[in-house]
PDB file of N, CA and C in Angstrom:
ATOM      1  N   MET A   1      -8.859  -4.401  12.757  1.00  0.00           N
ATOM      2  CA  MET A   1      -8.647  -4.698  11.352  1.00  0.00           C
ATOM      3  C   MET A   1      -7.695  -3.647  10.770  1.00  0.00           C
ATOM      4  N   ILE A   2      -6.801  -4.097   9.959  1.00  0.00           N
ATOM      5  CA  ILE A   2      -5.902  -3.197   9.241  1.00  0.00           C
ATOM      6  C   ILE A   2      -6.574  -2.815   7.924  1.00  0.00           C
ATOM      7  N   CYS A   3      -6.581  -1.521   7.649  1.00  0.00           N
ATOM      8  CA  CYS A   3      -7.198  -1.001   6.424  1.00  0.00           C
ATOM      9  C   CYS A   3      -6.120  -0.265   5.615  1.00  0.00           C
ATOM     10  N   TYR A   4      -6.083  -0.533   4.333  1.00  0.00           N
ATOM     11  CA  TYR A   4      -5.066   0.074   3.467  1.00  0.00           C
ATOM     12  C   TYR A   4      -5.604   1.236   2.638  1.00  0.00           C
ATOM     13  N   GLU A   5      -6.705   1.824   3.053  1.00  0.00           N
ATOM     14  CA  GLU A   5      -7.256   2.976   2.333  1.00  0.00           C
ATOM     15  C   GLU A   5      -6.257   4.133   2.208  1.00  0.00           C
ATOM     16  N   PRO A   6      -5.466   4.425   3.253  1.00  0.00           N
ATOM     17  CA  PRO A   6      -4.480   5.512   3.107  1.00  0.00           C
ATOM     18  C   PRO A   6      -3.474   5.270   1.979  1.00  0.00           C
ATOM     19  N   PHE A   7      -3.205   4.008   1.664  1.00  0.00           N
ATOM     20  CA  PHE A   7      -2.274   3.674   0.582  1.00  0.00           C
ATOM     21  C   PHE A   7      -2.724   4.309  -0.726  1.00  0.00           C
ATOM     22  N   TYR A   8      -4.004   4.187  -1.034  1.00  0.00           N
ATOM     23  CA  TYR A   8      -4.528   4.728  -2.287  1.00  0.00           C
ATOM     24  C   TYR A   8      -4.559   6.258  -2.269  1.00  0.00           C
ATOM     25  N   ASN A   9      -4.806   6.833  -1.115  1.00  0.00           N
ATOM     26  CA  ASN A   9      -4.750   8.296  -0.989  1.00  0.00           C
ATOM     27  C   ASN A   9      -3.321   8.789  -1.199  1.00  0.00           C
ATOM     28  N   THR A  10      -2.360   8.053  -0.664  1.00  0.00           N
ATOM     29  CA  THR A  10      -0.946   8.410  -0.823  1.00  0.00           C
ATOM     30  C   THR A  10      -0.521   8.290  -2.290  1.00  0.00           C
ATOM     31  N   LEU A  11      -0.960   7.226  -2.956  1.00  0.00           N
ATOM     32  CA  LEU A  11      -0.655   7.088  -4.381  1.00  0.00           C
ATOM     33  C   LEU A  11      -1.159   8.299  -5.154  1.00  0.00           C
ATOM     34  N   LYS A  12      -2.376   8.694  -4.862  1.00  0.00           N
ATOM     35  CA  LYS A  12      -2.979   9.833  -5.566  1.00  0.00           C
ATOM     36  C   LYS A  12      -2.200  11.117  -5.301  1.00  0.00           C
ATOM     37  N   LYS A  13      -1.835  11.355  -4.019  1.00  0.00           N
ATOM     38  CA  LYS A  13      -1.068  12.550  -3.664  1.00  0.00           C
ATOM     39  C   LYS A  13       0.286  12.585  -4.353  1.00  0.00           C
ATOM     40  N   LYS A  14       0.907  11.418  -4.477  1.00  0.00           N
ATOM     41  CA  LYS A  14       2.244  11.331  -5.078  1.00  0.00           C
ATOM     42  C   LYS A  14       2.196  11.251  -6.607  1.00  0.00           C
ATOM     43  N   GLY A  15       0.991  11.097  -7.156  1.00  0.00           N
ATOM     44  CA  GLY A  15       0.858  11.009  -8.606  1.00  0.00           C
ATOM     45  C   GLY A  15       1.397   9.708  -9.181  1.00  0.00           C
ATOM     46  N   ILE A  16       1.281   8.626  -8.419  1.00  0.00           N
ATOM     47  CA  ILE A  16       1.776   7.320  -8.855  1.00  0.00           C
ATOM     48  C   ILE A  16       0.583   6.396  -9.091  1.00  0.00           C
ATOM     49  N   SER A  17       0.543   5.793 -10.246  1.00  0.00           N
ATOM     50  CA  SER A  17      -0.551   4.873 -10.576  1.00  0.00           C
ATOM     51  C   SER A  17      -0.171   3.447 -10.185  1.00  0.00           C
ATOM     52  N   THR A  18      -1.170   2.606 -10.076  1.00  0.00           N
ATOM     53  CA  THR A  18      -0.888   1.201  -9.808  1.00  0.00           C
ATOM     54  C   THR A  18      -0.131   0.593 -10.986  1.00  0.00           C
ATOM     55  N   TYR A  19      -0.400   1.073 -12.190  1.00  0.00           N
ATOM     56  CA  TYR A  19       0.324   0.605 -13.377  1.00  0.00           C
ATOM     57  C   TYR A  19       1.829   0.884 -13.229  1.00  0.00           C
ATOM     58  N   LYS A  20       2.152   2.072 -12.727  1.00  0.00           N
ATOM     59  CA  LYS A  20       3.557   2.429 -12.537  1.00  0.00           C
ATOM     60  C   LYS A  20       4.198   1.544 -11.462  1.00  0.00           C
ATOM     61  N   LEU A  21       3.445   1.238 -10.405  1.00  0.00           N
ATOM     62  CA  LEU A  21       3.971   0.344  -9.373  1.00  0.00           C
ATOM     63  C   LEU A  21       4.306  -1.021  -9.957  1.00  0.00           C
ATOM     64  N   ILE A  22       3.452  -1.494 -10.847  1.00  0.00           N
ATOM     65  CA  ILE A  22       3.651  -2.807 -11.463  1.00  0.00           C
ATOM     66  C   ILE A  22       4.828  -2.790 -12.433  1.00  0.00           C
ATOM     67  N   THR A  23       4.866  -1.792 -13.312  1.00  0.00           N
ATOM     68  CA  THR A  23       5.877  -1.788 -14.372  1.00  0.00           C
ATOM     69  C   THR A  23       7.242  -1.270 -13.926  1.00  0.00           C
ATOM     70  N   LYS A  24       7.274  -0.204 -13.138  1.00  0.00           N
ATOM     71  CA  LYS A  24       8.555   0.393 -12.760  1.00  0.00           C
ATOM     72  C   LYS A  24       9.149  -0.232 -11.499  1.00  0.00           C
ATOM     73  N   TYR A  25       8.290  -0.577 -10.534  1.00  0.00           N
ATOM     74  CA  TYR A  25       8.779  -1.057  -9.241  1.00  0.00           C
ATOM     75  C   TYR A  25       8.555  -2.555  -9.014  1.00  0.00           C
ATOM     76  N   ASN A  26       8.044  -3.243 -10.023  1.00  0.00           N
ATOM     77  CA  ASN A  26       7.827  -4.693  -9.959  1.00  0.00           C
ATOM     78  C   ASN A  26       6.936  -5.134  -8.795  1.00  0.00           C
ATOM     79  N   ILE A  27       5.947  -4.318  -8.475  1.00  0.00           N
ATOM     80  CA  ILE A  27       4.951  -4.692  -7.470  1.00  0.00           C
ATOM     81  C   ILE A  27       3.944  -5.607  -8.170  1.00  0.00           C
ATOM     82  N   SER A  28       3.638  -6.728  -7.558  1.00  0.00           N
ATOM     83  CA  SER A  28       2.759  -7.695  -8.217  1.00  0.00           C
ATOM     84  C   SER A  28       1.288  -7.273  -8.140  1.00  0.00           C
ATOM     85  N   ARG A  29       0.544  -7.723  -9.124  1.00  0.00           N
ATOM     86  CA  ARG A  29      -0.904  -7.488  -9.122  1.00  0.00           C
ATOM     87  C   ARG A  29      -1.540  -8.182  -7.920  1.00  0.00           C
ATOM     88  N   GLY A  30      -0.969  -9.301  -7.519  1.00  0.00           N
ATOM     89  CA  GLY A  30      -1.465 -10.021  -6.354  1.00  0.00           C
ATOM     90  C   GLY A  30      -1.355  -9.196  -5.085  1.00  0.00           C
ATOM     91  N   LEU A  31      -0.235  -8.485  -4.929  1.00  0.00           N
ATOM     92  CA  LEU A  31      -0.067  -7.622  -3.762  1.00  0.00           C
ATOM     93  C   LEU A  31      -1.093  -6.502  -3.790  1.00  0.00           C
ATOM     94  N   LEU A  32      -1.280  -5.901  -4.945  1.00  0.00           N
ATOM     95  CA  LEU A  32      -2.268  -4.819  -5.050  1.00  0.00           C
ATOM     96  C   LEU A  32      -3.669  -5.332  -4.730  1.00  0.00           C
ATOM     97  N   ASP A  33      -3.953  -6.570  -5.113  1.00  0.00           N
ATOM     98  CA  ASP A  33      -5.240  -7.172  -4.787  1.00  0.00           C
ATOM     99  C   ASP A  33      -5.363  -7.374  -3.276  1.00  0.00           C
ATOM    100  N   ARG A  34      -4.275  -7.798  -2.632  1.00  0.00           N
ATOM    101  CA  ARG A  34      -4.285  -7.984  -1.179  1.00  0.00           C
ATOM    102  C   ARG A  34      -4.556  -6.651  -0.482  1.00  0.00           C
ATOM    103  N   LEU A  35      -3.929  -5.594  -0.961  1.00  0.00           N
ATOM    104  CA  LEU A  35      -4.148  -4.272  -0.374  1.00  0.00           C
ATOM    105  C   LEU A  35      -5.598  -3.813  -0.581  1.00  0.00           C
ATOM    106  N   LYS A  36      -6.101  -4.052  -1.773  1.00  0.00           N
ATOM    107  CA  LYS A  36      -7.469  -3.639  -2.099  1.00  0.00           C
ATOM    108  C   LYS A  36      -8.498  -4.317  -1.193  1.00  0.00           C
ATOM    109  N   HIS A  37      -8.216  -5.570  -0.819  1.00  0.00           N
ATOM    110  CA  HIS A  37      -9.164  -6.337  -0.011  1.00  0.00           C
ATOM    111  C   HIS A  37      -8.754  -6.422   1.465  1.00  0.00           C
ATOM    112  N   ASN A  38      -7.832  -5.541   1.882  1.00  0.00           N
ATOM    113  CA  ASN A  38      -7.387  -5.455   3.275  1.00  0.00           C
ATOM    114  C   ASN A  38      -6.915  -6.789   3.844  1.00  0.00           C
ATOM    115  N   LYS A  39      -6.176  -7.519   3.039  1.00  0.00           N
ATOM    116  CA  LYS A  39      -5.598  -8.787   3.479  1.00  0.00           C
ATOM    117  C   LYS A  39      -4.192  -8.522   4.015  1.00  0.00           C
ATOM    118  N   PRO A  40      -3.651  -9.440   4.818  1.00  0.00           N
ATOM    119  CA  PRO A  40      -2.331  -9.223   5.425  1.00  0.00           C
ATOM    120  C   PRO A  40      -1.197  -9.126   4.387  1.00  0.00           C
ATOM    121  N   ILE A  41      -0.221  -8.280   4.714  1.00  0.00           N
ATOM    122  CA  ILE A  41       1.019  -8.193   3.936  1.00  0.00           C
ATOM    123  C   ILE A  41       2.177  -8.268   4.929  1.00  0.00           C
ATOM    124  N   THR A  42       3.360  -8.569   4.442  1.00  0.00           N
ATOM    125  CA  THR A  42       4.524  -8.686   5.326  1.00  0.00           C
ATOM    126  C   THR A  42       5.093  -7.310   5.656  1.00  0.00           C
ATOM    127  N   THR A  43       5.877  -7.276   6.719  1.00  0.00           N
ATOM    128  CA  THR A  43       6.539  -6.026   7.075  1.00  0.00           C
ATOM    129  C   THR A  43       7.617  -5.678   6.043  1.00  0.00           C
ATOM    130  N   VAL A  44       8.176  -6.670   5.391  1.00  0.00           N
ATOM    131  CA  VAL A  44       9.149  -6.417   4.321  1.00  0.00           C
ATOM    132  C   VAL A  44       8.451  -5.670   3.177  1.00  0.00           C
ATOM    133  N   THR A  45       7.259  -6.121   2.820  1.00  0.00           N
ATOM    134  CA  THR A  45       6.490  -5.458   1.767  1.00  0.00           C
ATOM    135  C   THR A  45       6.121  -4.049   2.191  1.00  0.00           C
ATOM    136  N   LEU A  46       5.717  -3.897   3.431  1.00  0.00           N
ATOM    137  CA  LEU A  46       5.379  -2.585   3.961  1.00  0.00           C
ATOM    138  C   LEU A  46       6.581  -1.652   3.887  1.00  0.00           C
ATOM    139  N   ASN A  47       7.751  -2.155   4.242  1.00  0.00           N
ATOM    140  CA  ASN A  47       8.986  -1.388   4.150  1.00  0.00           C
ATOM    141  C   ASN A  47       9.270  -0.981   2.700  1.00  0.00           C
ATOM    142  N   ASP A  48       9.089  -1.914   1.767  1.00  0.00           N
ATOM    143  CA  ASP A  48       9.319  -1.624   0.350  1.00  0.00           C
ATOM    144  C   ASP A  48       8.381  -0.525  -0.138  1.00  0.00           C
ATOM    145  N   LEU A  49       7.110  -0.603   0.245  1.00  0.00           N
ATOM    146  CA  LEU A  49       6.137   0.409  -0.178  1.00  0.00           C
ATOM    147  C   LEU A  49       6.483   1.786   0.405  1.00  0.00           C
ATOM    148  N   CYS A  50       6.894   1.810   1.669  1.00  0.00           N
ATOM    149  CA  CYS A  50       7.301   3.080   2.290  1.00  0.00           C
ATOM    150  C   CYS A  50       8.515   3.675   1.577  1.00  0.00           C
ATOM    151  N   THR A  51       9.435   2.822   1.176  1.00  0.00           N
ATOM    152  CA  THR A  51      10.631   3.284   0.462  1.00  0.00           C
ATOM    153  C   THR A  51      10.259   3.832  -0.915  1.00  0.00           C
ATOM    154  N   ILE A  52       9.437   3.097  -1.639  1.00  0.00           N
ATOM    155  CA  ILE A  52       9.024   3.519  -2.983  1.00  0.00           C
ATOM    156  C   ILE A  52       8.266   4.840  -2.927  1.00  0.00           C
ATOM    157  N   LEU A  53       7.339   4.940  -1.978  1.00  0.00           N
ATOM    158  CA  LEU A  53       6.477   6.125  -1.908  1.00  0.00           C
ATOM    159  C   LEU A  53       7.059   7.241  -1.052  1.00  0.00           C
ATOM    160  N   GLU A  54       8.214   6.968  -0.430  1.00  0.00           N
ATOM    161  CA  GLU A  54       8.851   7.941   0.461  1.00  0.00           C
ATOM    162  C   GLU A  54       7.840   8.473   1.473  1.00  0.00           C
ATOM    163  N   CYS A  55       7.284   7.536   2.242  1.00  0.00           N
ATOM    164  CA  CYS A  55       6.246   7.896   3.206  1.00  0.00           C
ATOM    165  C   CYS A  55       6.398   7.085   4.482  1.00  0.00           C
ATOM    166  N   ASN A  56       5.505   7.322   5.423  1.00  0.00           N
ATOM    167  CA  ASN A  56       5.471   6.584   6.686  1.00  0.00           C
ATOM    168  C   ASN A  56       4.442   5.471   6.606  1.00  0.00           C
ATOM    169  N   VAL A  57       4.521   4.550   7.558  1.00  0.00           N
ATOM    170  CA  VAL A  57       3.572   3.439   7.618  1.00  0.00           C
ATOM    171  C   VAL A  57       2.141   3.964   7.703  1.00  0.00           C
ATOM    172  N   SER A  58       1.944   5.048   8.438  1.00  0.00           N
ATOM    173  CA  SER A  58       0.602   5.613   8.598  1.00  0.00           C
ATOM    174  C   SER A  58       0.040   6.157   7.284  1.00  0.00           C
ATOM    175  N   ASP A  59       0.891   6.346   6.288  1.00  0.00           N
ATOM    176  CA  ASP A  59       0.433   6.788   4.963  1.00  0.00           C
ATOM    177  C   ASP A  59      -0.009   5.605   4.109  1.00  0.00           C
ATOM    178  N   ILE A  60       0.170   4.396   4.625  1.00  0.00           N
ATOM    179  CA  ILE A  60      -0.190   3.193   3.883  1.00  0.00           C
ATOM    180  C   ILE A  60      -1.328   2.426   4.557  1.00  0.00           C
ATOM    181  N   MET A  61      -1.335   2.408   5.885  1.00  0.00           N
ATOM    182  CA  MET A  61      -2.360   1.626   6.569  1.00  0.00           C
ATOM    183  C   MET A  61      -2.816   2.297   7.853  1.00  0.00           C
ATOM    184  N   ILE A  62      -4.018   1.919   8.295  1.00  0.00           N
ATOM    185  CA  ILE A  62      -4.542   2.365   9.569  1.00  0.00           C
ATOM    186  C   ILE A  62      -5.170   1.178  10.296  1.00  0.00           C
ATOM    187  N   PHE A  63      -5.287   1.291  11.596  1.00  0.00           N
ATOM    188  CA  PHE A  63      -5.934   0.261  12.380  1.00  0.00           C
ATOM    189  C   PHE A  63      -7.344   0.729  12.718  1.00  0.00           C
ATOM    190  N   ILE A  64      -8.315  -0.131  12.453  1.00  0.00           N
ATOM    191  CA  ILE A  64      -9.713   0.129  12.801  1.00  0.00           C
ATOM    192  C   ILE A  64     -10.150  -0.980  13.742  1.00  0.00           C
ATOM    193  N   LYS A  65     -10.550  -0.591  14.927  1.00  0.00           N
ATOM    194  CA  LYS A  65     -10.954  -1.574  15.944  1.00  0.00           C
ATOM    195  C   LYS A  65     -12.221  -2.304  15.508  1.00  0.00           C
ATOM    196  N   ASP A  66     -12.176  -3.643  15.589  1.00  0.00           N
ATOM    197  CA  ASP A  66     -13.364  -4.455  15.274  1.00  0.00           C
ATOM    198  C   ASP A  66     -14.407  -4.246  16.360  1.00  0.00           C
ATOM    199  N   GLU A  67     -15.646  -4.253  15.942  1.00  0.00           N
ATOM    200  CA  GLU A  67     -16.708  -4.047  16.931  1.00  0.00           C
ATOM    201  C   GLU A  67     -17.326  -5.332  17.380  1.00  0.00           C
TER     202      GLU A  67
END
């Protein structure tokens, strides 16, 4: 399972709120909901988030093996 918990930690470290992502970077509330509920996102979206946050993929998501 892909988990997006690191995304929220990265936001906090960078001092960026979800409100700022929505208003300044035009990130949709739907995307934020997908991240919150660990639903799939595209690699294009992942690339955009890495660019906005100036981070690596590992700062946005992690893989957790299903049991």
